[in-house]
Amino acid sequence: MRKSAKLRKAEIVATVLDLTDRIGPDRVTTGAVASQIGVTQAALFRHFPTKAALWQAVAEHVAERMTTAWDEALNLGNAPVIRLRALIAAQFAQIAATPALPMLLFSRELNVTNAELRATFHGRLTAFRGLLAREVGAGQQAGVLWDDVAANDVAVLLTALVQGVAIRWALGARDFNLREEGLRLFDVQCRLLAVRGE
């Protein structure tokens, strides 16, 4: 049975992510994608007229999944530190579910040849940092986090924590549980930022 255009596009995007994980984003070609799916390149181009359009669809798919995960995380509690932890957990879960993500963010495809792809990911990462800063600020206002460090600076440190653990996971053959290790280090960071009784 012939697949609908929507299902075929989703299959193509999933295949690009799989190939990105297995061979690296800079080696993903439309020919490799078509071959993996079992269609011709001409059939692939009926859904995505250019390679840039294909990568943009990949970026939008990943960005949409991240945004949904963040929205769900923010509904998991009413305390700022609980929401912060949920946001960090959600981001690690997204990376674990899409192992190609760390490589994609640092690829030549993203950083040199595809401005739209770079802009999409930059926008989502900026939004993530903004959500973290908002929750840090709320924790500072509630008196549970030190307020002698700017909320934006704490958000940058937390973003760097996520990226650093993700890169270590990707380069180390994924030999540890990404979410568990990330949350362990987040908890360490939180203890350093927490206001203690006099």
N, C-alpha and C. Protein backbone atom coordinates (compact mmCIF):
# COMPACT_ATOMS: atom_id res chain seq x y z
N MET A 1 0.84 -1.19 0.00
CA MET A 1 0.00 0.00 0.00
C MET A 1 0.88 1.25 0.00
N ARG A 2 0.49 2.20 -0.81
CA ARG A 2 1.26 3.44 -0.94
C ARG A 2 1.06 4.32 0.28
N LYS A 3 2.17 4.92 0.78
CA LYS A 3 2.10 5.77 1.96
C LYS A 3 1.61 7.15 1.58
N SER A 4 0.90 7.80 2.53
CA SER A 4 0.47 9.17 2.30
C SER A 4 1.70 10.08 2.32
N ALA A 5 1.55 11.28 1.76
CA ALA A 5 2.66 12.23 1.72
C ALA A 5 3.13 12.56 3.14
N LYS A 6 2.20 12.66 4.06
CA LYS A 6 2.56 12.99 5.45
C LYS A 6 3.40 11.88 6.07
N LEU A 7 2.97 10.64 5.88
CA LEU A 7 3.71 9.50 6.43
C LEU A 7 5.08 9.36 5.77
N ARG A 8 5.13 9.59 4.47
CA ARG A 8 6.41 9.48 3.75
C ARG A 8 7.38 10.55 4.23
N LYS A 9 6.87 11.79 4.42
CA LYS A 9 7.74 12.86 4.91
C LYS A 9 8.29 12.53 6.30
N ALA A 10 7.43 12.00 7.16
CA ALA A 10 7.86 11.63 8.50
C ALA A 10 8.92 10.53 8.43
N GLU A 11 8.74 9.58 7.51
CA GLU A 11 9.72 8.50 7.34
C GLU A 11 11.06 9.06 6.85
N ILE A 12 11.00 10.02 5.95
CA ILE A 12 12.23 10.63 5.42
C ILE A 12 12.98 11.36 6.52
N VAL A 13 12.26 12.14 7.32
CA VAL A 13 12.88 12.88 8.42
C VAL A 13 13.52 11.91 9.41
N ALA A 14 12.79 10.85 9.77
CA ALA A 14 13.33 9.85 10.70
C ALA A 14 14.57 9.18 10.13
N THR A 15 14.58 8.94 8.84
CA THR A 15 15.73 8.32 8.19
C THR A 15 16.94 9.24 8.21
N VAL A 16 16.71 10.52 7.96
CA VAL A 16 17.82 11.49 8.02
C VAL A 16 18.43 11.50 9.42
N LEU A 17 17.58 11.51 10.44
CA LEU A 17 18.09 11.50 11.82
C LEU A 17 18.85 10.21 12.13
N ASP A 18 18.34 9.09 11.64
CA ASP A 18 19.02 7.81 11.86
C ASP A 18 20.39 7.80 11.17
N LEU A 19 20.43 8.25 9.92
CA LEU A 19 21.70 8.29 9.19
C LEU A 19 22.67 9.29 9.83
N THR A 20 22.14 10.41 10.29
CA THR A 20 22.98 11.41 10.95
C THR A 20 23.66 10.79 12.17
N ASP A 21 22.90 9.99 12.90
CA ASP A 21 23.45 9.32 14.08
C ASP A 21 24.51 8.29 13.68
N ARG A 22 24.25 7.55 12.61
CA ARG A 22 25.13 6.43 12.25
C ARG A 22 26.37 6.85 11.47
N ILE A 23 26.23 7.82 10.57
CA ILE A 23 27.38 8.16 9.71
C ILE A 23 27.82 9.62 9.83
N GLY A 24 27.06 10.42 10.57
CA GLY A 24 27.41 11.83 10.73
C GLY A 24 26.66 12.70 9.74
N PRO A 25 26.25 13.89 10.18
CA PRO A 25 25.41 14.75 9.34
C PRO A 25 26.07 15.18 8.04
N ASP A 26 27.39 15.35 8.04
CA ASP A 26 28.05 15.84 6.83
C ASP A 26 28.15 14.78 5.75
N ARG A 27 27.88 13.53 6.10
CA ARG A 27 27.94 12.44 5.11
C ARG A 27 26.55 12.02 4.65
N VAL A 28 25.51 12.65 5.19
CA VAL A 28 24.14 12.32 4.77
C VAL A 28 23.86 12.97 3.42
N THR A 29 23.54 12.15 2.44
CA THR A 29 23.19 12.65 1.11
C THR A 29 21.75 12.26 0.79
N THR A 30 21.17 12.96 -0.17
CA THR A 30 19.82 12.59 -0.58
C THR A 30 19.81 11.19 -1.17
N GLY A 31 20.90 10.80 -1.83
CA GLY A 31 21.00 9.44 -2.37
C GLY A 31 20.99 8.39 -1.28
N ALA A 32 21.73 8.67 -0.19
CA ALA A 32 21.76 7.72 0.93
C ALA A 32 20.40 7.61 1.59
N VAL A 33 19.71 8.73 1.73
CA VAL A 33 18.37 8.72 2.34
C VAL A 33 17.40 7.93 1.47
N ALA A 34 17.41 8.22 0.16
CA ALA A 34 16.51 7.52 -0.76
C ALA A 34 16.79 6.02 -0.76
N SER A 35 18.06 5.64 -0.77
CA SER A 35 18.43 4.23 -0.77
C SER A 35 17.97 3.53 0.51
N GLN A 36 18.14 4.20 1.63
CA GLN A 36 17.75 3.62 2.91
C GLN A 36 16.24 3.35 2.96
N ILE A 37 15.46 4.26 2.38
CA ILE A 37 13.99 4.12 2.38
C ILE A 37 13.52 3.16 1.29
N GLY A 38 14.31 3.08 0.22
CA GLY A 38 13.92 2.22 -0.90
C GLY A 38 13.11 2.96 -1.95
N VAL A 39 13.43 4.25 -2.14
CA VAL A 39 12.78 5.04 -3.18
C VAL A 39 13.87 5.68 -4.03
N THR A 40 13.47 6.28 -5.13
CA THR A 40 14.43 7.00 -5.98
C THR A 40 14.66 8.40 -5.41
N GLN A 41 15.76 9.01 -5.84
CA GLN A 41 15.99 10.40 -5.44
C GLN A 41 14.88 11.31 -5.96
N ALA A 42 14.39 11.00 -7.15
CA ALA A 42 13.30 11.81 -7.72
C ALA A 42 12.08 11.75 -6.81
N ALA A 43 11.79 10.58 -6.25
CA ALA A 43 10.65 10.45 -5.33
C ALA A 43 10.90 11.27 -4.07
N LEU A 44 12.14 11.25 -3.60
CA LEU A 44 12.49 12.03 -2.41
C LEU A 44 12.28 13.52 -2.67
N PHE A 45 12.71 13.98 -3.85
CA PHE A 45 12.60 15.40 -4.18
C PHE A 45 11.16 15.84 -4.42
N ARG A 46 10.24 14.89 -4.61
CA ARG A 46 8.83 15.28 -4.71
C ARG A 46 8.33 15.77 -3.36
N HIS A 47 8.91 15.27 -2.28
CA HIS A 47 8.51 15.69 -0.94
C HIS A 47 9.34 16.87 -0.43
N PHE A 48 10.62 16.87 -0.77
CA PHE A 48 11.52 17.95 -0.36
C PHE A 48 12.32 18.37 -1.59
N PRO A 49 11.99 19.51 -2.18
CA PRO A 49 12.60 19.89 -3.46
C PRO A 49 14.10 20.16 -3.41
N THR A 50 14.64 20.43 -2.22
CA THR A 50 16.07 20.66 -2.08
C THR A 50 16.58 19.99 -0.82
N LYS A 51 17.89 19.81 -0.75
CA LYS A 51 18.48 19.25 0.45
C LYS A 51 18.27 20.20 1.64
N ALA A 52 18.34 21.50 1.37
CA ALA A 52 18.12 22.49 2.43
C ALA A 52 16.70 22.36 3.00
N ALA A 53 15.72 22.12 2.13
CA ALA A 53 14.33 21.95 2.59
C ALA A 53 14.21 20.70 3.45
N LEU A 54 14.94 19.66 3.08
CA LEU A 54 14.94 18.43 3.87
C LEU A 54 15.52 18.68 5.26
N TRP A 55 16.67 19.35 5.32
CA TRP A 55 17.27 19.65 6.62
C TRP A 55 16.38 20.57 7.46
N GLN A 56 15.70 21.49 6.79
CA GLN A 56 14.81 22.38 7.53
C GLN A 56 13.65 21.60 8.14
N ALA A 57 13.14 20.62 7.43
CA ALA A 57 12.08 19.77 7.97
C ALA A 57 12.58 18.98 9.18
N VAL A 58 13.82 18.52 9.11
CA VAL A 58 14.43 17.83 10.24
C VAL A 58 14.51 18.76 11.44
N ALA A 59 15.00 19.97 11.21
CA ALA A 59 15.13 20.96 12.30
C ALA A 59 13.78 21.28 12.92
N GLU A 60 12.78 21.47 12.09
CA GLU A 60 11.44 21.80 12.60
C GLU A 60 10.85 20.64 13.39
N HIS A 61 11.09 19.43 12.95
CA HIS A 61 10.62 18.24 13.67
C HIS A 61 11.25 18.18 15.06
N VAL A 62 12.57 18.33 15.11
CA VAL A 62 13.28 18.28 16.40
C VAL A 62 12.84 19.44 17.29
N ALA A 63 12.72 20.63 16.71
CA ALA A 63 12.32 21.81 17.48
C ALA A 63 10.92 21.64 18.06
N GLU A 64 10.02 21.09 17.28
CA GLU A 64 8.64 20.88 17.76
C GLU A 64 8.60 19.88 18.91
N ARG A 65 9.38 18.81 18.78
CA ARG A 65 9.42 17.81 19.86
C ARG A 65 10.00 18.41 21.14
N MET A 66 11.06 19.22 21.00
CA MET A 66 11.65 19.84 22.19
C MET A 66 10.65 20.79 22.85
N THR A 67 9.99 21.61 22.05
CA THR A 67 9.04 22.58 22.60
C THR A 67 7.91 21.87 23.34
N THR A 68 7.40 20.80 22.77
CA THR A 68 6.34 20.03 23.43
C THR A 68 6.84 19.46 24.76
N ALA A 69 8.05 18.91 24.75
CA ALA A 69 8.62 18.34 25.98
C ALA A 69 8.79 19.41 27.05
N TRP A 70 9.24 20.60 26.67
CA TRP A 70 9.41 21.69 27.65
C TRP A 70 8.06 22.12 28.22
N ASP A 71 7.07 22.24 27.36
CA ASP A 71 5.73 22.63 27.83
C ASP A 71 5.21 21.62 28.85
N GLU A 72 5.39 20.35 28.56
CA GLU A 72 4.94 19.30 29.48
C GLU A 72 5.73 19.37 30.79
N ALA A 73 7.02 19.63 30.71
CA ALA A 73 7.86 19.72 31.91
C ALA A 73 7.41 20.84 32.83
N LEU A 74 7.02 21.96 32.24
CA LEU A 74 6.63 23.12 33.05
C LEU A 74 5.31 22.89 33.79
N ASN A 75 4.58 21.87 33.40
CA ASN A 75 3.31 21.54 34.08
C ASN A 75 3.47 20.47 35.15
N LEU A 76 4.72 20.08 35.43
CA LEU A 76 4.94 18.98 36.38
C LEU A 76 5.03 19.42 37.83
N GLY A 77 5.06 20.70 38.09
CA GLY A 77 5.14 21.16 39.48
C GLY A 77 4.95 22.66 39.55
N ASN A 78 4.69 23.15 40.78
CA ASN A 78 4.50 24.59 40.92
C ASN A 78 5.67 25.29 41.60
N ALA A 79 6.71 24.53 41.96
CA ALA A 79 7.90 25.14 42.57
C ALA A 79 8.95 25.35 41.48
N PRO A 80 9.62 26.50 41.49
CA PRO A 80 10.60 26.79 40.43
C PRO A 80 11.69 25.74 40.28
N VAL A 81 12.23 25.22 41.37
CA VAL A 81 13.31 24.25 41.27
C VAL A 81 12.79 22.93 40.68
N ILE A 82 11.56 22.57 40.99
CA ILE A 82 10.97 21.36 40.40
C ILE A 82 10.80 21.55 38.89
N ARG A 83 10.34 22.72 38.49
CA ARG A 83 10.18 22.99 37.05
C ARG A 83 11.55 23.04 36.34
N LEU A 84 12.55 23.62 37.01
CA LEU A 84 13.90 23.64 36.44
C LEU A 84 14.40 22.22 36.19
N ARG A 85 14.25 21.37 37.20
CA ARG A 85 14.71 19.99 37.09
C ARG A 85 13.95 19.27 35.98
N ALA A 86 12.65 19.53 35.89
CA ALA A 86 11.83 18.90 34.85
C ALA A 86 12.27 19.35 33.46
N LEU A 87 12.61 20.63 33.31
CA LEU A 87 13.10 21.13 32.02
C LEU A 87 14.41 20.44 31.62
N ILE A 88 15.33 20.34 32.59
CA ILE A 88 16.61 19.68 32.32
C ILE A 88 16.38 18.21 31.96
N ALA A 89 15.52 17.53 32.73
CA ALA A 89 15.21 16.13 32.45
C ALA A 89 14.61 15.97 31.06
N ALA A 90 13.71 16.88 30.70
CA ALA A 90 13.06 16.81 29.39
C ALA A 90 14.08 16.98 28.27
N GLN A 91 15.03 17.88 28.46
CA GLN A 91 16.03 18.09 27.42
C GLN A 91 16.94 16.88 27.27
N PHE A 92 17.34 16.29 28.39
CA PHE A 92 18.15 15.07 28.30
C PHE A 92 17.35 13.95 27.65
N ALA A 93 16.07 13.84 27.96
CA ALA A 93 15.24 12.81 27.34
C ALA A 93 15.14 13.00 25.83
N GLN A 94 15.05 14.26 25.39
CA GLN A 94 14.99 14.53 23.95
C GLN A 94 16.29 14.15 23.26
N ILE A 95 17.41 14.45 23.92
CA ILE A 95 18.71 14.10 23.33
C ILE A 95 18.85 12.58 23.27
N ALA A 96 18.45 11.87 24.32
CA ALA A 96 18.54 10.41 24.33
C ALA A 96 17.65 9.81 23.25
N ALA A 97 16.50 10.43 23.01
CA ALA A 97 15.57 9.93 22.00
C ALA A 97 16.03 10.28 20.58
N THR A 98 16.86 11.32 20.46
CA THR A 98 17.38 11.76 19.17
C THR A 98 18.90 11.87 19.29
N PRO A 99 19.61 10.74 19.32
CA PRO A 99 21.04 10.76 19.58
C PRO A 99 21.86 11.57 18.58
N ALA A 100 21.28 11.83 17.40
CA ALA A 100 21.99 12.61 16.39
C ALA A 100 22.09 14.09 16.77
N LEU A 101 21.30 14.51 17.72
CA LEU A 101 21.20 15.94 18.02
C LEU A 101 22.54 16.60 18.36
N PRO A 102 23.35 16.06 19.28
CA PRO A 102 24.62 16.73 19.57
C PRO A 102 25.52 16.88 18.33
N MET A 103 25.58 15.83 17.50
CA MET A 103 26.40 15.91 16.29
C MET A 103 25.84 16.92 15.30
N LEU A 104 24.52 16.95 15.20
CA LEU A 104 23.88 17.87 14.27
C LEU A 104 24.15 19.32 14.65
N LEU A 105 24.13 19.61 15.95
CA LEU A 105 24.33 20.98 16.41
C LEU A 105 25.74 21.49 16.10
N PHE A 106 26.70 20.59 15.99
CA PHE A 106 28.08 21.02 15.75
C PHE A 106 28.59 20.64 14.37
N SER A 107 27.67 20.32 13.48
CA SER A 107 28.08 19.86 12.15
C SER A 107 28.37 21.02 11.21
N ARG A 108 29.11 20.72 10.17
CA ARG A 108 29.35 21.70 9.11
C ARG A 108 28.03 22.09 8.45
N GLU A 109 27.15 21.11 8.29
CA GLU A 109 25.83 21.36 7.69
C GLU A 109 25.11 22.49 8.42
N LEU A 110 25.21 22.47 9.73
CA LEU A 110 24.53 23.48 10.53
C LEU A 110 25.32 24.78 10.58
N ASN A 111 26.60 24.69 10.82
CA ASN A 111 27.38 25.88 11.12
C ASN A 111 27.89 26.65 9.92
N VAL A 112 27.95 25.99 8.76
CA VAL A 112 28.53 26.67 7.61
C VAL A 112 27.54 26.82 6.46
N THR A 113 26.90 25.73 6.09
CA THR A 113 26.19 25.73 4.81
C THR A 113 24.70 25.98 4.88
N ASN A 114 24.10 25.98 6.07
CA ASN A 114 22.65 26.06 6.13
C ASN A 114 22.20 27.06 7.21
N ALA A 115 22.03 28.30 6.80
CA ALA A 115 21.69 29.37 7.75
C ALA A 115 20.31 29.15 8.38
N GLU A 116 19.36 28.63 7.61
CA GLU A 116 18.02 28.40 8.17
C GLU A 116 18.04 27.34 9.26
N LEU A 117 18.79 26.28 9.02
CA LEU A 117 18.92 25.22 10.01
C LEU A 117 19.55 25.77 11.29
N ARG A 118 20.62 26.53 11.12
CA ARG A 118 21.30 27.14 12.27
C ARG A 118 20.34 28.05 13.03
N ALA A 119 19.58 28.86 12.30
CA ALA A 119 18.65 29.80 12.94
C ALA A 119 17.56 29.07 13.72
N THR A 120 17.06 27.98 13.17
CA THR A 120 16.02 27.21 13.86
C THR A 120 16.53 26.66 15.17
N PHE A 121 17.70 26.01 15.13
CA PHE A 121 18.26 25.46 16.37
C PHE A 121 18.67 26.55 17.35
N HIS A 122 19.25 27.61 16.84
CA HIS A 122 19.64 28.71 17.73
C HIS A 122 18.41 29.29 18.43
N GLY A 123 17.32 29.44 17.68
CA GLY A 123 16.08 29.96 18.28
C GLY A 123 15.55 29.07 19.38
N ARG A 124 15.58 27.75 19.16
CA ARG A 124 15.08 26.83 20.18
C ARG A 124 15.99 26.81 21.41
N LEU A 125 17.31 26.83 21.20
CA LEU A 125 18.23 26.83 22.34
C LEU A 125 18.14 28.13 23.12
N THR A 126 17.91 29.23 22.42
CA THR A 126 17.70 30.51 23.10
C THR A 126 16.42 30.48 23.92
N ALA A 127 15.39 29.86 23.37
CA ALA A 127 14.11 29.74 24.09
C ALA A 127 14.29 28.87 25.34
N PHE A 128 15.05 27.78 25.21
CA PHE A 128 15.31 26.90 26.35
C PHE A 128 16.03 27.66 27.46
N ARG A 129 17.07 28.39 27.07
CA ARG A 129 17.82 29.19 28.05
C ARG A 129 16.90 30.22 28.71
N GLY A 130 15.98 30.80 27.94
CA GLY A 130 15.03 31.76 28.50
C GLY A 130 14.10 31.13 29.52
N LEU A 131 13.64 29.91 29.25
CA LEU A 131 12.79 29.20 30.21
C LEU A 131 13.56 28.91 31.49
N LEU A 132 14.81 28.48 31.35
CA LEU A 132 15.64 28.22 32.53
C LEU A 132 15.82 29.50 33.34
N ALA A 133 16.14 30.60 32.66
CA ALA A 133 16.36 31.88 33.35
C ALA A 133 15.10 32.32 34.10
N ARG A 134 13.95 32.11 33.48
CA ARG A 134 12.68 32.49 34.13
C ARG A 134 12.47 31.71 35.42
N GLU A 135 12.74 30.41 35.37
CA GLU A 135 12.54 29.59 36.57
C GLU A 135 13.60 29.88 37.63
N VAL A 136 14.83 30.15 37.21
CA VAL A 136 15.86 30.55 38.17
C VAL A 136 15.45 31.85 38.85
N GLY A 137 14.98 32.81 38.06
CA GLY A 137 14.52 34.09 38.62
C GLY A 137 13.39 33.89 39.61
N ALA A 138 12.47 32.99 39.28
CA ALA A 138 11.36 32.71 40.20
C ALA A 138 11.88 32.09 41.49
N GLY A 139 12.88 31.21 41.38
CA GLY A 139 13.48 30.60 42.57
C GLY A 139 14.21 31.62 43.42
N GLN A 140 14.84 32.59 42.76
CA GLN A 140 15.51 33.66 43.50
C GLN A 140 14.50 34.55 44.22
N GLN A 141 13.43 34.87 43.54
CA GLN A 141 12.38 35.70 44.16
C GLN A 141 11.72 34.98 45.33
N ALA A 142 11.62 33.65 45.22
CA ALA A 142 11.01 32.87 46.30
C ALA A 142 11.99 32.66 47.47
N GLY A 143 13.25 33.06 47.27
CA GLY A 143 14.23 32.94 48.34
C GLY A 143 14.83 31.55 48.49
N VAL A 144 14.69 30.70 47.46
CA VAL A 144 15.27 29.35 47.56
C VAL A 144 16.58 29.22 46.79
N LEU A 145 16.86 30.16 45.89
CA LEU A 145 18.12 30.18 45.15
C LEU A 145 18.83 31.51 45.41
N TRP A 146 20.15 31.46 45.52
CA TRP A 146 20.91 32.68 45.73
C TRP A 146 20.61 33.68 44.61
N ASP A 147 20.47 34.94 45.00
CA ASP A 147 20.19 35.98 43.99
C ASP A 147 21.41 36.85 43.70
N ASP A 148 22.61 36.40 44.15
CA ASP A 148 23.80 37.20 43.86
C ASP A 148 24.45 36.81 42.53
N VAL A 149 23.82 35.89 41.81
CA VAL A 149 24.23 35.54 40.45
C VAL A 149 23.04 35.81 39.54
N ALA A 150 23.28 36.49 38.43
CA ALA A 150 22.19 36.82 37.51
C ALA A 150 21.51 35.55 37.00
N ALA A 151 20.19 35.58 36.94
CA ALA A 151 19.42 34.41 36.48
C ALA A 151 19.87 33.98 35.08
N ASN A 152 20.16 34.94 34.21
CA ASN A 152 20.61 34.59 32.86
C ASN A 152 21.94 33.85 32.88
N ASP A 153 22.84 34.25 33.81
CA ASP A 153 24.13 33.56 33.92
C ASP A 153 23.95 32.12 34.41
N VAL A 154 23.05 31.93 35.35
CA VAL A 154 22.76 30.57 35.84
C VAL A 154 22.19 29.74 34.69
N ALA A 155 21.31 30.34 33.90
CA ALA A 155 20.72 29.62 32.76
C ALA A 155 21.79 29.21 31.76
N VAL A 156 22.77 30.08 31.52
CA VAL A 156 23.87 29.73 30.62
C VAL A 156 24.66 28.56 31.18
N LEU A 157 24.93 28.57 32.49
CA LEU A 157 25.66 27.47 33.12
C LEU A 157 24.88 26.16 33.02
N LEU A 158 23.57 26.22 33.22
CA LEU A 158 22.76 25.00 33.13
C LEU A 158 22.69 24.49 31.70
N THR A 159 22.63 25.41 30.73
CA THR A 159 22.64 25.01 29.32
C THR A 159 23.97 24.35 28.99
N ALA A 160 25.06 24.92 29.50
CA ALA A 160 26.39 24.34 29.27
C ALA A 160 26.49 22.96 29.91
N LEU A 161 25.86 22.78 31.06
CA LEU A 161 25.85 21.46 31.71
C LEU A 161 25.19 20.44 30.79
N VAL A 162 24.03 20.79 30.24
CA VAL A 162 23.32 19.88 29.34
C VAL A 162 24.19 19.55 28.13
N GLN A 163 24.75 20.58 27.52
CA GLN A 163 25.54 20.36 26.31
C GLN A 163 26.80 19.54 26.60
N GLY A 164 27.45 19.84 27.73
CA GLY A 164 28.67 19.12 28.08
C GLY A 164 28.43 17.65 28.35
N VAL A 165 27.38 17.34 29.10
CA VAL A 165 27.06 15.94 29.39
C VAL A 165 26.65 15.23 28.11
N ALA A 166 25.89 15.91 27.25
CA ALA A 166 25.45 15.30 25.99
C ALA A 166 26.64 14.99 25.08
N ILE A 167 27.60 15.88 25.02
CA ILE A 167 28.78 15.63 24.18
C ILE A 167 29.61 14.49 24.76
N ARG A 168 29.78 14.48 26.08
CA ARG A 168 30.52 13.38 26.72
C ARG A 168 29.84 12.04 26.45
N TRP A 169 28.51 12.04 26.49
CA TRP A 169 27.73 10.83 26.21
C TRP A 169 27.91 10.39 24.76
N ALA A 170 27.83 11.36 23.83
CA ALA A 170 27.95 11.04 22.41
C ALA A 170 29.35 10.54 22.06
N LEU A 171 30.38 11.17 22.63
CA LEU A 171 31.75 10.78 22.32
C LEU A 171 32.19 9.52 23.05
N GLY A 172 31.52 9.20 24.15
CA GLY A 172 31.90 8.05 24.95
C GLY A 172 31.10 6.80 24.65
N ALA A 173 30.61 6.70 23.44
CA ALA A 173 29.86 5.50 23.00
C ALA A 173 28.61 5.27 23.84
N ARG A 174 28.08 6.36 24.41
CA ARG A 174 26.82 6.28 25.17
C ARG A 174 26.89 5.22 26.26
N ASP A 175 27.98 5.24 27.00
CA ASP A 175 28.21 4.19 27.99
C ASP A 175 27.70 4.55 29.38
N PHE A 176 26.82 5.54 29.47
CA PHE A 176 26.15 5.84 30.74
C PHE A 176 24.75 6.34 30.43
N ASN A 177 23.90 6.34 31.45
CA ASN A 177 22.52 6.81 31.29
C ASN A 177 22.53 8.32 31.27
N LEU A 178 22.23 8.89 30.12
CA LEU A 178 22.33 10.33 29.92
C LEU A 178 21.46 11.11 30.89
N ARG A 179 20.21 10.72 31.01
CA ARG A 179 19.28 11.45 31.88
C ARG A 179 19.72 11.38 33.34
N GLU A 180 20.07 10.17 33.79
CA GLU A 180 20.48 10.01 35.20
C GLU A 180 21.72 10.83 35.52
N GLU A 181 22.72 10.75 34.65
CA GLU A 181 23.97 11.49 34.89
C GLU A 181 23.72 13.00 34.84
N GLY A 182 22.93 13.43 33.88
CA GLY A 182 22.62 14.85 33.76
C GLY A 182 21.88 15.39 34.97
N LEU A 183 20.91 14.62 35.46
CA LEU A 183 20.15 15.08 36.63
C LEU A 183 21.00 15.02 37.90
N ARG A 184 21.91 14.05 37.98
CA ARG A 184 22.82 14.00 39.13
C ARG A 184 23.64 15.29 39.20
N LEU A 185 24.18 15.71 38.05
CA LEU A 185 24.99 16.92 38.02
C LEU A 185 24.14 18.18 38.20
N PHE A 186 22.90 18.15 37.69
CA PHE A 186 21.99 19.27 37.94
C PHE A 186 21.75 19.41 39.44
N ASP A 187 21.53 18.29 40.13
CA ASP A 187 21.29 18.34 41.57
C ASP A 187 22.50 18.91 42.31
N VAL A 188 23.71 18.57 41.86
CA VAL A 188 24.92 19.16 42.44
C VAL A 188 24.91 20.67 42.24
N GLN A 189 24.62 21.08 41.03
CA GLN A 189 24.57 22.52 40.72
C GLN A 189 23.52 23.22 41.58
N CYS A 190 22.38 22.58 41.74
CA CYS A 190 21.30 23.17 42.54
C CYS A 190 21.70 23.34 43.99
N ARG A 191 22.41 22.34 44.53
CA ARG A 191 22.86 22.46 45.91
C ARG A 191 23.80 23.64 46.09
N LEU A 192 24.60 23.91 45.08
CA LEU A 192 25.52 25.05 45.14
C LEU A 192 24.78 26.38 45.07
N LEU A 193 23.61 26.38 44.43
CA LEU A 193 22.83 27.61 44.26
C LEU A 193 21.78 27.81 45.33
N ALA A 194 21.51 26.76 46.11
CA ALA A 194 20.40 26.82 47.07
C ALA A 194 20.75 27.70 48.26
N VAL A 195 19.75 28.45 48.72
CA VAL A 195 19.90 29.27 49.93
C VAL A 195 19.76 28.34 51.11
N ARG A 196 20.73 28.42 52.03
CA ARG A 196 20.68 27.61 53.24
C ARG A 196 20.32 28.50 54.42
N GLY A 197 19.72 27.89 55.43
CA GLY A 197 19.36 28.64 56.64
C GLY A 197 20.60 29.18 57.32
N GLU A 198 20.45 30.35 57.92
CA GLU A 198 21.60 30.98 58.62
C GLU A 198 22.06 30.09 59.76
